[in-house]
Amino acid sequence: MAECVDPIPLENLDFCPTIEVAAGVSETGVYGAAVSDFETIVAPPNIADGTDLDSIGTIATAHTFKEGRGFHKIYINPDTGLIESTHAGEKGNLSIGNSLTGALPGTGPKVVGYVRKYKNMPMIFIVKEKDGAVRQLGSALSPAYMSEITATSGQKAGDPKTTTIKITDTLAYMAPHYAATIEEFPVPAP
């Protein structure tokens, strides 16, 4: 049998009832970039290289981009963003499917063009939650993809006119926290 070493010390998973919890994804805090735009894509440490539970659930070092590249910002309608992590597989071979669902405003040419350009593109997404946590979907070995796209014009006044996208990945772990700089692409000076 393999000789396994567990470097992670025992820790309590405590919760303080005075911690404020805000559910949801920030409508102004979703960022994406094609895997091909990166020089390096950092992952959380392997369990054998971690020092505690926080360390193996966090990406602490920023990704690096090729010249002139960076994350682009994606605005989603308020209260439509949701990150989910669900396990799949059998005992001894469990993995985690992470997803982000959000509604892009409208169905205009820019939205149509965005979906057309990125629908099959391997991506990394950074997502700010309303409580300040920042999460990442996708990795160098298992990028995130648009797995569902539903656009609707609405039928009557008050109906949503949106393009709902679902972005998914499959990793060995839940969408990790991203504690590094979110580098946006350089905008040329006017």
C-alpha atoms as a PDB file:
ATOM      1  CA  MET A   1       0.000   0.000   0.000  1.00  0.00           C
ATOM      2  CA  ALA A   2       1.184   3.516  -0.752  1.00  0.00           C
ATOM      3  CA  GLU A   3       2.662   5.437   2.134  1.00  0.00           C
ATOM      4  CA  CYS A   4       0.635   8.635   2.342  1.00  0.00           C
ATOM      5  CA  VAL A   5       1.625  11.755   4.247  1.00  0.00           C
ATOM      6  CA  ASP A   6      -0.950  14.250   5.490  1.00  0.00           C
ATOM      7  CA  PRO A   7       0.709  17.679   5.878  1.00  0.00           C
ATOM      8  CA  ILE A   8      -2.556  19.465   6.686  1.00  0.00           C
ATOM      9  CA  PRO A   9      -2.987  19.872  10.458  1.00  0.00           C
ATOM     10  CA  LEU A  10      -6.307  19.119  12.082  1.00  0.00           C
ATOM     11  CA  GLU A  11      -8.467  22.239  12.184  1.00  0.00           C
ATOM     12  CA  ASN A  12     -11.956  23.036  13.380  1.00  0.00           C
ATOM     13  CA  LEU A  13     -14.350  24.362  10.778  1.00  0.00           C
ATOM     14  CA  ASP A  14     -15.788  27.063  13.011  1.00  0.00           C
ATOM     15  CA  PHE A  15     -18.350  29.698  12.182  1.00  0.00           C
ATOM     16  CA  CYS A  16     -18.972  32.923  14.036  1.00  0.00           C
ATOM     17  CA  PRO A  17     -22.638  34.016  13.985  1.00  0.00           C
ATOM     18  CA  THR A  18     -21.588  37.683  13.837  1.00  0.00           C
ATOM     19  CA  ILE A  19     -19.989  37.205  10.402  1.00  0.00           C
ATOM     20  CA  GLU A  20     -22.176  38.861   7.800  1.00  0.00           C
ATOM     21  CA  VAL A  21     -23.024  36.658   4.854  1.00  0.00           C
ATOM     22  CA  ALA A  22     -24.222  38.165   1.565  1.00  0.00           C
ATOM     23  CA  ALA A  23     -25.367  35.693  -1.069  1.00  0.00           C
ATOM     24  CA  GLY A  24     -24.948  36.167  -4.778  1.00  0.00           C
ATOM     25  CA  VAL A  25     -22.481  37.250  -7.415  1.00  0.00           C
ATOM     26  CA  SER A  26     -21.532  40.891  -7.977  1.00  0.00           C
ATOM     27  CA  GLU A  27     -23.006  42.089 -11.262  1.00  0.00           C
ATOM     28  CA  THR A  28     -19.845  44.148 -11.809  1.00  0.00           C
ATOM     29  CA  GLY A  29     -17.345  41.501 -10.732  1.00  0.00           C
ATOM     30  CA  VAL A  30     -17.208  38.840 -13.450  1.00  0.00           C
ATOM     31  CA  TYR A  31     -14.045  38.567 -15.547  1.00  0.00           C
ATOM     32  CA  GLY A  32     -13.022  36.173 -18.314  1.00  0.00           C
ATOM     33  CA  ALA A  33      -9.965  35.400 -20.405  1.00  0.00           C
ATOM     34  CA  ALA A  34      -9.138  32.778 -23.004  1.00  0.00           C
ATOM     35  CA  VAL A  35      -6.606  30.189 -21.875  1.00  0.00           C
ATOM     36  CA  SER A  36      -4.505  31.148 -24.922  1.00  0.00           C
ATOM     37  CA  ASP A  37      -4.077  34.689 -23.485  1.00  0.00           C
ATOM     38  CA  PHE A  38      -2.027  33.456 -20.489  1.00  0.00           C
ATOM     39  CA  GLU A  39       1.679  32.865 -20.022  1.00  0.00           C
ATOM     40  CA  THR A  40       1.003  31.049 -16.727  1.00  0.00           C
ATOM     41  CA  ILE A  41      -2.166  29.875 -14.995  1.00  0.00           C
ATOM     42  CA  VAL A  42      -1.689  29.235 -11.288  1.00  0.00           C
ATOM     43  CA  ALA A  43      -3.560  26.516  -9.373  1.00  0.00           C
ATOM     44  CA  PRO A  44      -4.062  26.034  -5.656  1.00  0.00           C
ATOM     45  CA  PRO A  45      -1.324  23.894  -4.091  1.00  0.00           C
ATOM     46  CA  ASN A  46      -1.685  20.122  -4.056  1.00  0.00           C
ATOM     47  CA  ILE A  47      -2.729  18.736  -0.700  1.00  0.00           C
ATOM     48  CA  ALA A  48       0.819  17.397  -0.180  1.00  0.00           C
ATOM     49  CA  ASP A  49       2.202  20.928  -0.661  1.00  0.00           C
ATOM     50  CA  GLY A  50      -0.392  22.771   1.432  1.00  0.00           C
ATOM     51  CA  THR A  51       0.104  24.070   4.937  1.00  0.00           C
ATOM     52  CA  ASP A  52      -3.512  24.311   6.120  1.00  0.00           C
ATOM     53  CA  LEU A  53      -7.088  24.146   4.826  1.00  0.00           C
ATOM     54  CA  ASP A  54      -7.041  27.788   3.656  1.00  0.00           C
ATOM     55  CA  SER A  55      -3.900  27.251   1.573  1.00  0.00           C
ATOM     56  CA  ILE A  56      -5.304  24.309  -0.417  1.00  0.00           C
ATOM     57  CA  GLY A  57      -8.508  26.238  -1.164  1.00  0.00           C
ATOM     58  CA  THR A  58      -6.778  29.409  -2.409  1.00  0.00           C
ATOM     59  CA  ILE A  59      -4.842  30.615  -5.443  1.00  0.00           C
ATOM     60  CA  ALA A  60      -2.473  33.125  -3.846  1.00  0.00           C
ATOM     61  CA  THR A  61      -0.307  34.080  -6.848  1.00  0.00           C
ATOM     62  CA  ALA A  62      -1.551  36.073  -9.838  1.00  0.00           C
ATOM     63  CA  HIS A  63      -1.702  34.540 -13.293  1.00  0.00           C
ATOM     64  CA  THR A  64       0.525  36.134 -15.919  1.00  0.00           C
ATOM     65  CA  PHE A  65      -0.679  37.202 -19.352  1.00  0.00           C
ATOM     66  CA  LYS A  66       0.919  37.483 -22.747  1.00  0.00           C
ATOM     67  CA  GLU A  67       1.743  41.019 -23.879  1.00  0.00           C
ATOM     68  CA  GLY A  68      -1.378  43.149 -24.388  1.00  0.00           C
ATOM     69  CA  ARG A  69      -3.727  40.575 -22.844  1.00  0.00           C
ATOM     70  CA  GLY A  70      -5.681  40.400 -19.596  1.00  0.00           C
ATOM     71  CA  PHE A  71      -9.107  39.678 -18.171  1.00  0.00           C
ATOM     72  CA  HIS A  72     -12.126  41.325 -19.804  1.00  0.00           C
ATOM     73  CA  LYS A  73     -15.059  42.401 -17.636  1.00  0.00           C
ATOM     74  CA  ILE A  74     -18.503  40.892 -18.162  1.00  0.00           C
ATOM     75  CA  TYR A  75     -21.532  42.733 -16.779  1.00  0.00           C
ATOM     76  CA  ILE A  76     -24.404  40.495 -15.692  1.00  0.00           C
ATOM     77  CA  ASN A  77     -27.879  41.550 -14.614  1.00  0.00           C
ATOM     78  CA  PRO A  78     -28.256  42.051 -10.846  1.00  0.00           C
ATOM     79  CA  ASP A  79     -29.368  39.021  -8.836  1.00  0.00           C
ATOM     80  CA  THR A  80     -28.833  36.573 -11.730  1.00  0.00           C
ATOM     81  CA  GLY A  81     -25.340  35.331 -10.837  1.00  0.00           C
ATOM     82  CA  LEU A  82     -24.885  32.005  -9.084  1.00  0.00           C
ATOM     83  CA  ILE A  83     -21.831  29.817  -8.479  1.00  0.00           C
ATOM     84  CA  GLU A  84     -22.500  26.152  -7.767  1.00  0.00           C
ATOM     85  CA  SER A  85     -20.129  23.301  -6.955  1.00  0.00           C
ATOM     86  CA  THR A  86     -21.453  19.743  -7.063  1.00  0.00           C
ATOM     87  CA  HIS A  87     -19.590  16.491  -6.705  1.00  0.00           C
ATOM     88  CA  ALA A  88     -19.786  13.757  -9.312  1.00  0.00           C
ATOM     89  CA  GLY A  89     -18.411  10.267  -9.666  1.00  0.00           C
ATOM     90  CA  GLU A  90     -18.059   7.315  -7.361  1.00  0.00           C
ATOM     91  CA  LYS A  91     -16.317   6.903  -3.995  1.00  0.00           C
ATOM     92  CA  GLY A  92     -12.582   6.988  -4.470  1.00  0.00           C
ATOM     93  CA  ASN A  93     -12.957   8.847  -7.769  1.00  0.00           C
ATOM     94  CA  LEU A  94     -14.980  11.946  -6.913  1.00  0.00           C
ATOM     95  CA  SER A  95     -14.527  15.165  -8.850  1.00  0.00           C
ATOM     96  CA  ILE A  96     -16.314  18.508  -8.616  1.00  0.00           C
ATOM     97  CA  GLY A  97     -18.325  20.263 -11.302  1.00  0.00           C
ATOM     98  CA  ASN A  98     -18.271  24.030 -10.819  1.00  0.00           C
ATOM     99  CA  SER A  99     -20.637  26.352 -12.635  1.00  0.00           C
ATOM    100  CA  LEU A 100     -21.475  30.023 -12.970  1.00  0.00           C
ATOM    101  CA  THR A 101     -24.869  31.051 -14.282  1.00  0.00           C
ATOM    102  CA  GLY A 102     -25.663  34.677 -15.099  1.00  0.00           C
ATOM    103  CA  ALA A 103     -27.825  36.737 -17.439  1.00  0.00           C
ATOM    104  CA  LEU A 104     -26.140  39.107 -19.868  1.00  0.00           C
ATOM    105  CA  PRO A 105     -28.310  42.163 -20.518  1.00  0.00           C
ATOM    106  CA  GLY A 106     -30.194  41.974 -23.804  1.00  0.00           C
ATOM    107  CA  THR A 107     -29.614  40.130 -27.031  1.00  0.00           C
ATOM    108  CA  GLY A 108     -27.884  42.907 -28.998  1.00  0.00           C
ATOM    109  CA  PRO A 109     -25.064  42.536 -31.515  1.00  0.00           C
ATOM    110  CA  LYS A 110     -22.288  42.808 -28.893  1.00  0.00           C
ATOM    111  CA  VAL A 111     -23.819  39.983 -26.818  1.00  0.00           C
ATOM    112  CA  VAL A 112     -24.353  37.871 -29.960  1.00  0.00           C
ATOM    113  CA  GLY A 113     -20.740  38.535 -30.980  1.00  0.00           C
ATOM    114  CA  TYR A 114     -19.422  37.660 -27.505  1.00  0.00           C
ATOM    115  CA  VAL A 115     -21.252  34.336 -27.461  1.00  0.00           C
ATOM    116  CA  ARG A 116     -20.158  33.611 -31.020  1.00  0.00           C
ATOM    117  CA  LYS A 117     -16.496  34.333 -30.243  1.00  0.00           C
ATOM    118  CA  TYR A 118     -16.243  32.524 -26.893  1.00  0.00           C
ATOM    119  CA  LYS A 119     -18.805  29.676 -27.080  1.00  0.00           C
ATOM    120  CA  ASN A 120     -16.158  27.000 -27.768  1.00  0.00           C
ATOM    121  CA  MET A 121     -13.170  28.792 -26.252  1.00  0.00           C
ATOM    122  CA  PRO A 122     -11.318  27.283 -23.259  1.00  0.00           C
ATOM    123  CA  MET A 123     -11.524  30.010 -20.599  1.00  0.00           C
ATOM    124  CA  ILE A 124     -10.638  31.074 -17.061  1.00  0.00           C
ATOM    125  CA  PHE A 125     -13.290  33.103 -15.197  1.00  0.00           C
ATOM    126  CA  ILE A 126     -12.800  35.133 -12.025  1.00  0.00           C
ATOM    127  CA  VAL A 127     -15.993  35.932 -10.109  1.00  0.00           C
ATOM    128  CA  LYS A 128     -16.497  38.303  -7.180  1.00  0.00           C
ATOM    129  CA  GLU A 129     -19.222  37.326  -4.754  1.00  0.00           C
ATOM    130  CA  LYS A 130     -21.267  39.936  -2.892  1.00  0.00           C
ATOM    131  CA  ASP A 131     -19.545  39.079   0.396  1.00  0.00           C
ATOM    132  CA  GLY A 132     -16.150  39.989  -1.096  1.00  0.00           C
ATOM    133  CA  ALA A 133     -14.948  36.454  -1.836  1.00  0.00           C
ATOM    134  CA  VAL A 134     -13.338  36.009  -5.250  1.00  0.00           C
ATOM    135  CA  ARG A 135     -13.574  32.588  -6.951  1.00  0.00           C
ATOM    136  CA  GLN A 136     -12.081  31.055 -10.080  1.00  0.00           C
ATOM    137  CA  LEU A 137     -13.701  28.717 -12.592  1.00  0.00           C
ATOM    138  CA  GLY A 138     -11.448  26.804 -14.948  1.00  0.00           C
ATOM    139  CA  SER A 139      -7.823  25.765 -14.759  1.00  0.00           C
ATOM    140  CA  ALA A 140      -4.962  25.160 -17.165  1.00  0.00           C
ATOM    141  CA  LEU A 141      -5.798  21.449 -17.338  1.00  0.00           C
ATOM    142  CA  SER A 142      -9.583  21.788 -17.148  1.00  0.00           C
ATOM    143  CA  PRO A 143     -10.707  25.113 -18.617  1.00  0.00           C
ATOM    144  CA  ALA A 144     -14.198  26.494 -18.207  1.00  0.00           C
ATOM    145  CA  TYR A 145     -16.602  26.524 -21.150  1.00  0.00           C
ATOM    146  CA  MET A 146     -19.991  28.000 -21.956  1.00  0.00           C
ATOM    147  CA  SER A 147     -22.115  24.879 -21.583  1.00  0.00           C
ATOM    148  CA  GLU A 148     -25.565  26.450 -21.892  1.00  0.00           C
ATOM    149  CA  ILE A 149     -26.774  29.582 -23.686  1.00  0.00           C
ATOM    150  CA  THR A 150     -30.388  30.723 -23.679  1.00  0.00           C
ATOM    151  CA  ALA A 151     -31.385  34.060 -25.222  1.00  0.00           C
ATOM    152  CA  THR A 152     -34.898  35.438 -24.986  1.00  0.00           C
ATOM    153  CA  SER A 153     -36.514  38.521 -26.471  1.00  0.00           C
ATOM    154  CA  GLY A 154     -39.332  38.488 -23.916  1.00  0.00           C
ATOM    155  CA  GLN A 155     -42.998  38.414 -24.923  1.00  0.00           C
ATOM    156  CA  LYS A 156     -44.425  41.433 -23.124  1.00  0.00           C
ATOM    157  CA  ALA A 157     -43.444  44.447 -21.089  1.00  0.00           C
ATOM    158  CA  GLY A 158     -41.670  43.373 -17.918  1.00  0.00           C
ATOM    159  CA  ASP A 159     -40.363  40.089 -19.338  1.00  0.00           C
ATOM    160  CA  PRO A 160     -36.601  39.637 -19.229  1.00  0.00           C
ATOM    161  CA  LYS A 161     -34.746  40.328 -22.455  1.00  0.00           C
ATOM    162  CA  THR A 162     -31.518  38.555 -21.631  1.00  0.00           C
ATOM    163  CA  THR A 163     -28.945  36.023 -22.717  1.00  0.00           C
ATOM    164  CA  THR A 164     -28.401  33.556 -19.893  1.00  0.00           C
ATOM    165  CA  ILE A 165     -25.094  31.712 -19.984  1.00  0.00           C
ATOM    166  CA  LYS A 166     -23.856  28.819 -17.890  1.00  0.00           C
ATOM    167  CA  ILE A 167     -20.114  28.355 -17.579  1.00  0.00           C
ATOM    168  CA  THR A 168     -18.801  25.021 -16.293  1.00  0.00           C
ATOM    169  CA  ASP A 169     -15.584  23.235 -15.421  1.00  0.00           C
ATOM    170  CA  THR A 170     -14.668  19.891 -13.845  1.00  0.00           C
ATOM    171  CA  LEU A 171     -11.922  19.920 -11.224  1.00  0.00           C
ATOM    172  CA  ALA A 172     -10.716  17.811  -8.327  1.00  0.00           C
ATOM    173  CA  TYR A 173     -11.853  20.614  -6.001  1.00  0.00           C
ATOM    174  CA  MET A 174     -14.528  23.279  -5.560  1.00  0.00           C
ATOM    175  CA  ALA A 175     -13.979  26.590  -7.379  1.00  0.00           C
ATOM    176  CA  PRO A 176     -10.990  27.915  -5.433  1.00  0.00           C
ATOM    177  CA  HIS A 177     -10.701  31.359  -3.929  1.00  0.00           C
ATOM    178  CA  TYR A 178      -8.526  33.738  -5.958  1.00  0.00           C
ATOM    179  CA  ALA A 179      -6.521  36.018  -3.643  1.00  0.00           C
ATOM    180  CA  ALA A 180      -4.271  37.644  -6.256  1.00  0.00           C
ATOM    181  CA  THR A 181      -4.512  40.625  -8.601  1.00  0.00           C
ATOM    182  CA  ILE A 182      -7.142  40.576 -11.344  1.00  0.00           C
ATOM    183  CA  GLU A 183      -5.196  41.978 -14.277  1.00  0.00           C
ATOM    184  CA  GLU A 184      -7.491  43.571 -16.859  1.00  0.00           C
ATOM    185  CA  PHE A 185      -6.392  43.960 -20.470  1.00  0.00           C
ATOM    186  CA  PRO A 186      -4.657  47.258 -21.255  1.00  0.00           C
ATOM    187  CA  VAL A 187      -6.977  49.843 -22.796  1.00  0.00           C
ATOM    188  CA  PRO A 188      -5.215  52.055 -25.386  1.00  0.00           C
ATOM    189  CA  ALA A 189      -5.020  55.738 -24.461  1.00  0.00           C
ATOM    190  CA  PRO A 190      -7.469  57.964 -26.378  1.00  0.00           C
END
